[in-house]
Amino acid sequence: MDETSATGRVSMVGLNYGEHFIVWGLRRVVTEHGPDGLLLDECHAACGNDGDEAMRALCLFLCLLGRAARRPVQIGTPGTLAVTWDENRILTLLAAAQRCTEDAGPARVDAHLQFLALPAHRPVLAQVALALGGLLAAHGHFLPLPADTVCISRPAWPAEYVRRAHS
C-alpha cells in the first residue's frame, strides 16, 4: 500500500477498538489467505461467547465484498498505521449499518453500498453488514460515523457577472 493513498481516518492510532478490530481483521484475512486462530481469539475477546459468530460474520462480509466490489479493494499492509480509503469506506458502511433503525439509516447503508458494490450483490451484502454491525454493537463496539460535511452551494459566477450577462 502506498502511504499517500490513506484518507479519512488517517491513522490506526485514532481508531476505537471496534474500528481497529475491523481493519485488523480485514487485513489479517486478506494477507493470511483466510481466517486463523489469532483472528478467532480476537473475535472471542471482542464478542465473548459470540466469537465464532463474529468470525463467521466478518469472513462472510469480506468474502461477499470481494465478490461484489465495483473495483479492487485497497487493503493496507498489516502493521501499517495508515488506513486506506477503502478501509475507511468499510468502517463507514458498518457504522451506518449499526444505525439502520434511525431515520436515514437504510438510505445511508444503501448509499455506501452503491459506491462499494455491484447492484446484484447489494441486498445480501447489506444483510451481512447489518448482522456484523449489530453483533459489534451488541458487545459495545460502536463505530462512529464521520462528521457530515455540509455542502454550501455557491454560484459559479459572482452575481454581478450573471446580471451583466442577462442584461
C-alpha atoms as a PDB file:
ATOM      1  CA  MET A   1       0.000   0.000   0.000  1.00  0.00           C
ATOM      2  CA  ASP A   2       1.195   3.476  -0.806  1.00  0.00           C
ATOM      3  CA  GLU A   3       1.177   5.570   2.361  1.00  0.00           C
ATOM      4  CA  THR A   4      -0.226   8.548   0.448  1.00  0.00           C
ATOM      5  CA  SER A   5      -3.390   6.665  -0.504  1.00  0.00           C
ATOM      6  CA  ALA A   6      -4.753   6.898   3.051  1.00  0.00           C
ATOM      7  CA  THR A   7      -7.603   9.313   3.703  1.00  0.00           C
ATOM      8  CA  GLY A   8     -10.417   9.819   6.142  1.00  0.00           C
ATOM      9  CA  ARG A   9      -9.472   8.240   9.437  1.00  0.00           C
ATOM     10  CA  VAL A  10      -5.818   8.574   8.590  1.00  0.00           C
ATOM     11  CA  SER A  11      -4.219   6.523  11.327  1.00  0.00           C
ATOM     12  CA  MET A  12      -4.944   3.330  13.213  1.00  0.00           C
ATOM     13  CA  VAL A  13      -3.843   5.273  16.303  1.00  0.00           C
ATOM     14  CA  GLY A  14      -7.103   7.279  16.295  1.00  0.00           C
ATOM     15  CA  LEU A  15      -9.438   4.295  15.921  1.00  0.00           C
ATOM     16  CA  ASN A  16     -11.577   2.898  18.706  1.00  0.00           C
ATOM     17  CA  TYR A  17     -11.418  -0.825  19.467  1.00  0.00           C
ATOM     18  CA  GLY A  18     -14.295  -1.765  17.142  1.00  0.00           C
ATOM     19  CA  GLU A  19     -12.764   0.112  14.214  1.00  0.00           C
ATOM     20  CA  HIS A  20      -9.336  -1.321  14.935  1.00  0.00           C
ATOM     21  CA  PHE A  21     -10.811  -4.824  15.137  1.00  0.00           C
ATOM     22  CA  ILE A  22     -12.460  -4.482  11.707  1.00  0.00           C
ATOM     23  CA  VAL A  23      -9.375  -3.058   9.971  1.00  0.00           C
ATOM     24  CA  TRP A  24      -7.016  -5.524  11.649  1.00  0.00           C
ATOM     25  CA  GLY A  25      -9.357  -8.450  10.920  1.00  0.00           C
ATOM     26  CA  LEU A  26      -9.759  -7.371   7.321  1.00  0.00           C
ATOM     27  CA  ARG A  27      -6.007  -7.168   6.828  1.00  0.00           C
ATOM     28  CA  ARG A  28      -5.453 -10.462   8.638  1.00  0.00           C
ATOM     29  CA  VAL A  29      -7.948 -12.388   6.499  1.00  0.00           C
ATOM     30  CA  VAL A  30      -6.724 -10.879   3.235  1.00  0.00           C
ATOM     31  CA  THR A  31      -2.979 -11.245   3.860  1.00  0.00           C
ATOM     32  CA  GLU A  32      -3.114 -14.617   5.617  1.00  0.00           C
ATOM     33  CA  HIS A  33      -5.391 -16.002   2.889  1.00  0.00           C
ATOM     34  CA  GLY A  34      -8.196 -16.733   5.293  1.00  0.00           C
ATOM     35  CA  PRO A  35      -9.064 -16.759   8.983  1.00  0.00           C
ATOM     36  CA  ASP A  36      -6.734 -18.230  11.553  1.00  0.00           C
ATOM     37  CA  GLY A  37      -6.522 -18.967  15.259  1.00  0.00           C
ATOM     38  CA  LEU A  38      -5.287 -15.485  16.148  1.00  0.00           C
ATOM     39  CA  LEU A  39      -8.314 -13.903  14.476  1.00  0.00           C
ATOM     40  CA  LEU A  40     -10.622 -16.363  16.247  1.00  0.00           C
ATOM     41  CA  ASP A  41      -9.024 -15.453  19.598  1.00  0.00           C
ATOM     42  CA  GLU A  42      -9.565 -11.754  18.875  1.00  0.00           C
ATOM     43  CA  CYS A  43     -13.185 -12.402  17.873  1.00  0.00           C
ATOM     44  CA  HIS A  44     -13.736 -14.117  21.228  1.00  0.00           C
ATOM     45  CA  ALA A  45     -12.030 -11.222  23.014  1.00  0.00           C
ATOM     46  CA  ALA A  46     -14.306  -8.753  21.206  1.00  0.00           C
ATOM     47  CA  CYS A  47     -17.574 -10.670  21.321  1.00  0.00           C
ATOM     48  CA  GLY A  48     -17.248 -13.215  24.130  1.00  0.00           C
ATOM     49  CA  ASN A  49     -19.426 -16.278  23.553  1.00  0.00           C
ATOM     50  CA  ASP A  50     -20.410 -14.875  20.150  1.00  0.00           C
ATOM     51  CA  GLY A  51     -16.786 -15.019  18.966  1.00  0.00           C
ATOM     52  CA  ASP A  52     -17.409 -17.843  16.494  1.00  0.00           C
ATOM     53  CA  GLU A  53     -20.382 -15.959  15.055  1.00  0.00           C
ATOM     54  CA  ALA A  54     -18.308 -12.764  14.839  1.00  0.00           C
ATOM     55  CA  MET A  55     -15.611 -14.572  12.897  1.00  0.00           C
ATOM     56  CA  ARG A  56     -18.156 -16.089  10.513  1.00  0.00           C
ATOM     57  CA  ALA A  57     -19.856 -12.715  10.004  1.00  0.00           C
ATOM     58  CA  LEU A  58     -16.547 -10.914   9.392  1.00  0.00           C
ATOM     59  CA  CYS A  59     -15.308 -13.564   6.953  1.00  0.00           C
ATOM     60  CA  LEU A  60     -18.639 -13.725   5.125  1.00  0.00           C
ATOM     61  CA  PHE A  61     -18.737  -9.932   4.871  1.00  0.00           C
ATOM     62  CA  LEU A  62     -15.217  -9.839   3.430  1.00  0.00           C
ATOM     63  CA  CYS A  63     -15.906 -12.706   1.022  1.00  0.00           C
ATOM     64  CA  LEU A  64     -19.083 -11.065  -0.263  1.00  0.00           C
ATOM     65  CA  LEU A  65     -17.385  -7.683  -0.517  1.00  0.00           C
ATOM     66  CA  GLY A  66     -14.567  -9.245  -2.529  1.00  0.00           C
ATOM     67  CA  ARG A  67     -17.068 -10.724  -4.982  1.00  0.00           C
ATOM     68  CA  ALA A  68     -19.392  -7.705  -5.057  1.00  0.00           C
ATOM     69  CA  ALA A  69     -16.826  -4.910  -5.251  1.00  0.00           C
ATOM     70  CA  ARG A  70     -17.103  -2.458  -8.123  1.00  0.00           C
ATOM     71  CA  ARG A  71     -13.299  -2.370  -8.265  1.00  0.00           C
ATOM     72  CA  PRO A  72     -10.408  -3.974  -6.381  1.00  0.00           C
ATOM     73  CA  VAL A  73     -10.488  -3.008  -2.711  1.00  0.00           C
ATOM     74  CA  GLN A  74      -7.263  -1.440  -1.436  1.00  0.00           C
ATOM     75  CA  ILE A  75      -6.196  -3.004   1.852  1.00  0.00           C
ATOM     76  CA  GLY A  76      -3.312  -1.770   3.966  1.00  0.00           C
ATOM     77  CA  THR A  77      -0.350  -3.930   4.825  1.00  0.00           C
ATOM     78  CA  PRO A  78      -0.570  -5.451   8.324  1.00  0.00           C
ATOM     79  CA  GLY A  79       1.366  -3.295  10.741  1.00  0.00           C
ATOM     80  CA  THR A  80       0.880  -0.165   8.665  1.00  0.00           C
ATOM     81  CA  LEU A  81      -0.702   2.629  10.678  1.00  0.00           C
ATOM     82  CA  ALA A  82      -2.305   4.344   7.692  1.00  0.00           C
ATOM     83  CA  VAL A  83      -5.943   3.490   6.994  1.00  0.00           C
ATOM     84  CA  THR A  84      -6.705   3.219   3.281  1.00  0.00           C
ATOM     85  CA  TRP A  85      -9.594   4.997   1.663  1.00  0.00           C
ATOM     86  CA  ASP A  86     -11.372   1.680   1.106  1.00  0.00           C
ATOM     87  CA  GLU A  87     -10.874   0.581   4.713  1.00  0.00           C
ATOM     88  CA  ASN A  88     -12.360   3.912   5.747  1.00  0.00           C
ATOM     89  CA  ARG A  89     -15.358   3.264   3.459  1.00  0.00           C
ATOM     90  CA  ILE A  90     -15.868  -0.162   5.021  1.00  0.00           C
ATOM     91  CA  LEU A  91     -15.810   1.340   8.518  1.00  0.00           C
ATOM     92  CA  THR A  92     -18.345   3.956   7.456  1.00  0.00           C
ATOM     93  CA  LEU A  93     -20.596   1.312   5.891  1.00  0.00           C
ATOM     94  CA  LEU A  94     -20.569  -0.736   9.093  1.00  0.00           C
ATOM     95  CA  ALA A  95     -21.159   2.399  11.201  1.00  0.00           C
ATOM     96  CA  ALA A  96     -24.174   3.199   9.022  1.00  0.00           C
ATOM     97  CA  ALA A  97     -25.370  -0.406   9.395  1.00  0.00           C
ATOM     98  CA  GLN A  98     -25.256  -0.035  13.174  1.00  0.00           C
ATOM     99  CA  ARG A  99     -27.630   2.920  12.857  1.00  0.00           C
ATOM    100  CA  CYS A 100     -30.014   1.360  10.372  1.00  0.00           C
ATOM    101  CA  THR A 101     -33.028   1.890  12.620  1.00  0.00           C
ATOM    102  CA  GLU A 102     -32.522   5.673  12.627  1.00  0.00           C
ATOM    103  CA  ASP A 103     -34.324   7.923  10.144  1.00  0.00           C
ATOM    104  CA  ALA A 104     -31.747   7.881   7.347  1.00  0.00           C
ATOM    105  CA  GLY A 105     -30.260   4.515   8.327  1.00  0.00           C
ATOM    106  CA  PRO A 106     -31.336   2.281   5.426  1.00  0.00           C
ATOM    107  CA  ALA A 107     -30.733   5.061   2.895  1.00  0.00           C
ATOM    108  CA  ARG A 108     -27.269   5.693   4.313  1.00  0.00           C
ATOM    109  CA  VAL A 109     -26.365   1.996   4.120  1.00  0.00           C
ATOM    110  CA  ASP A 110     -27.638   1.839   0.558  1.00  0.00           C
ATOM    111  CA  ALA A 111     -25.629   4.939  -0.395  1.00  0.00           C
ATOM    112  CA  HIS A 112     -22.409   3.353   0.820  1.00  0.00           C
ATOM    113  CA  LEU A 113     -23.241   0.087  -0.876  1.00  0.00           C
ATOM    114  CA  GLN A 114     -23.909   1.851  -4.185  1.00  0.00           C
ATOM    115  CA  PHE A 115     -20.353   3.090  -4.150  1.00  0.00           C
ATOM    116  CA  LEU A 116     -18.751  -0.156  -2.980  1.00  0.00           C
ATOM    117  CA  ALA A 117     -20.748  -2.957  -4.574  1.00  0.00           C
ATOM    118  CA  LEU A 118     -22.337  -4.008  -7.828  1.00  0.00           C
ATOM    119  CA  PRO A 119     -26.172  -3.780  -7.843  1.00  0.00           C
ATOM    120  CA  ALA A 120     -26.883  -7.523  -7.888  1.00  0.00           C
ATOM    121  CA  HIS A 121     -24.866  -8.118  -4.703  1.00  0.00           C
ATOM    122  CA  ARG A 122     -26.050  -5.171  -2.593  1.00  0.00           C
ATOM    123  CA  PRO A 123     -29.031  -6.798  -0.815  1.00  0.00           C
ATOM    124  CA  VAL A 124     -27.022  -9.745   0.523  1.00  0.00           C
ATOM    125  CA  LEU A 125     -24.036  -7.562   1.405  1.00  0.00           C
ATOM    126  CA  ALA A 126     -26.398  -5.189   3.245  1.00  0.00           C
ATOM    127  CA  GLN A 127     -27.801  -8.081   5.318  1.00  0.00           C
ATOM    128  CA  VAL A 128     -24.337  -9.272   6.303  1.00  0.00           C
ATOM    129  CA  ALA A 129     -23.185  -5.714   7.076  1.00  0.00           C
ATOM    130  CA  LEU A 130     -26.246  -5.258   9.303  1.00  0.00           C
ATOM    131  CA  ALA A 131     -25.512  -8.542  11.083  1.00  0.00           C
ATOM    132  CA  LEU A 132     -21.829  -7.706  11.618  1.00  0.00           C
ATOM    133  CA  GLY A 133     -22.571  -4.153  12.722  1.00  0.00           C
ATOM    134  CA  GLY A 134     -25.298  -5.364  15.063  1.00  0.00           C
ATOM    135  CA  LEU A 135     -23.065  -8.024  16.572  1.00  0.00           C
ATOM    136  CA  LEU A 136     -20.349  -5.474  17.290  1.00  0.00           C
ATOM    137  CA  ALA A 137     -22.884  -3.045  18.759  1.00  0.00           C
ATOM    138  CA  ALA A 138     -24.385  -5.783  20.953  1.00  0.00           C
ATOM    139  CA  HIS A 139     -20.954  -6.148  22.542  1.00  0.00           C
ATOM    140  CA  GLY A 140     -20.419  -2.408  22.992  1.00  0.00           C
ATOM    141  CA  HIS A 141     -18.239  -1.780  19.945  1.00  0.00           C
ATOM    142  CA  PHE A 142     -19.836   1.221  18.268  1.00  0.00           C
ATOM    143  CA  LEU A 143     -18.272   2.543  15.093  1.00  0.00           C
ATOM    144  CA  PRO A 144     -18.542   6.319  14.753  1.00  0.00           C
ATOM    145  CA  LEU A 145     -19.902   7.890  11.606  1.00  0.00           C
ATOM    146  CA  PRO A 146     -17.632  10.534  10.150  1.00  0.00           C
ATOM    147  CA  ALA A 147     -18.896  14.068  10.647  1.00  0.00           C
ATOM    148  CA  ASP A 148     -21.271  15.040   7.881  1.00  0.00           C
ATOM    149  CA  THR A 149     -19.939  17.739   5.660  1.00  0.00           C
ATOM    150  CA  VAL A 150     -22.313  20.477   4.685  1.00  0.00           C
ATOM    151  CA  CYS A 151     -22.146  21.452   1.059  1.00  0.00           C
ATOM    152  CA  ILE A 152     -22.780  25.144   0.601  1.00  0.00           C
ATOM    153  CA  SER A 153     -23.742  25.816  -2.978  1.00  0.00           C
ATOM    154  CA  ARG A 154     -22.340  28.972  -4.457  1.00  0.00           C
ATOM    155  CA  PRO A 155     -22.973  30.381  -7.872  1.00  0.00           C
ATOM    156  CA  ALA A 156     -20.248  29.587 -10.346  1.00  0.00           C
ATOM    157  CA  TRP A 157     -20.002  33.272 -11.184  1.00  0.00           C
ATOM    158  CA  PRO A 158     -20.437  36.279  -8.893  1.00  0.00           C
ATOM    159  CA  ALA A 159     -23.929  37.783  -9.097  1.00  0.00           C
ATOM    160  CA  GLU A 160     -22.665  40.958 -10.789  1.00  0.00           C
ATOM    161  CA  TYR A 161     -21.368  38.959 -13.771  1.00  0.00           C
ATOM    162  CA  VAL A 162     -24.604  36.988 -14.028  1.00  0.00           C
ATOM    163  CA  ARG A 163     -26.661  40.245 -14.050  1.00  0.00           C
ATOM    164  CA  ARG A 164     -24.426  41.734 -16.772  1.00  0.00           C
ATOM    165  CA  ALA A 165     -24.737  38.612 -18.924  1.00  0.00           C
ATOM    166  CA  HIS A 166     -28.536  38.689 -18.794  1.00  0.00           C
ATOM    167  CA  SER A 167     -28.877  42.464 -19.404  1.00  0.00           C
END
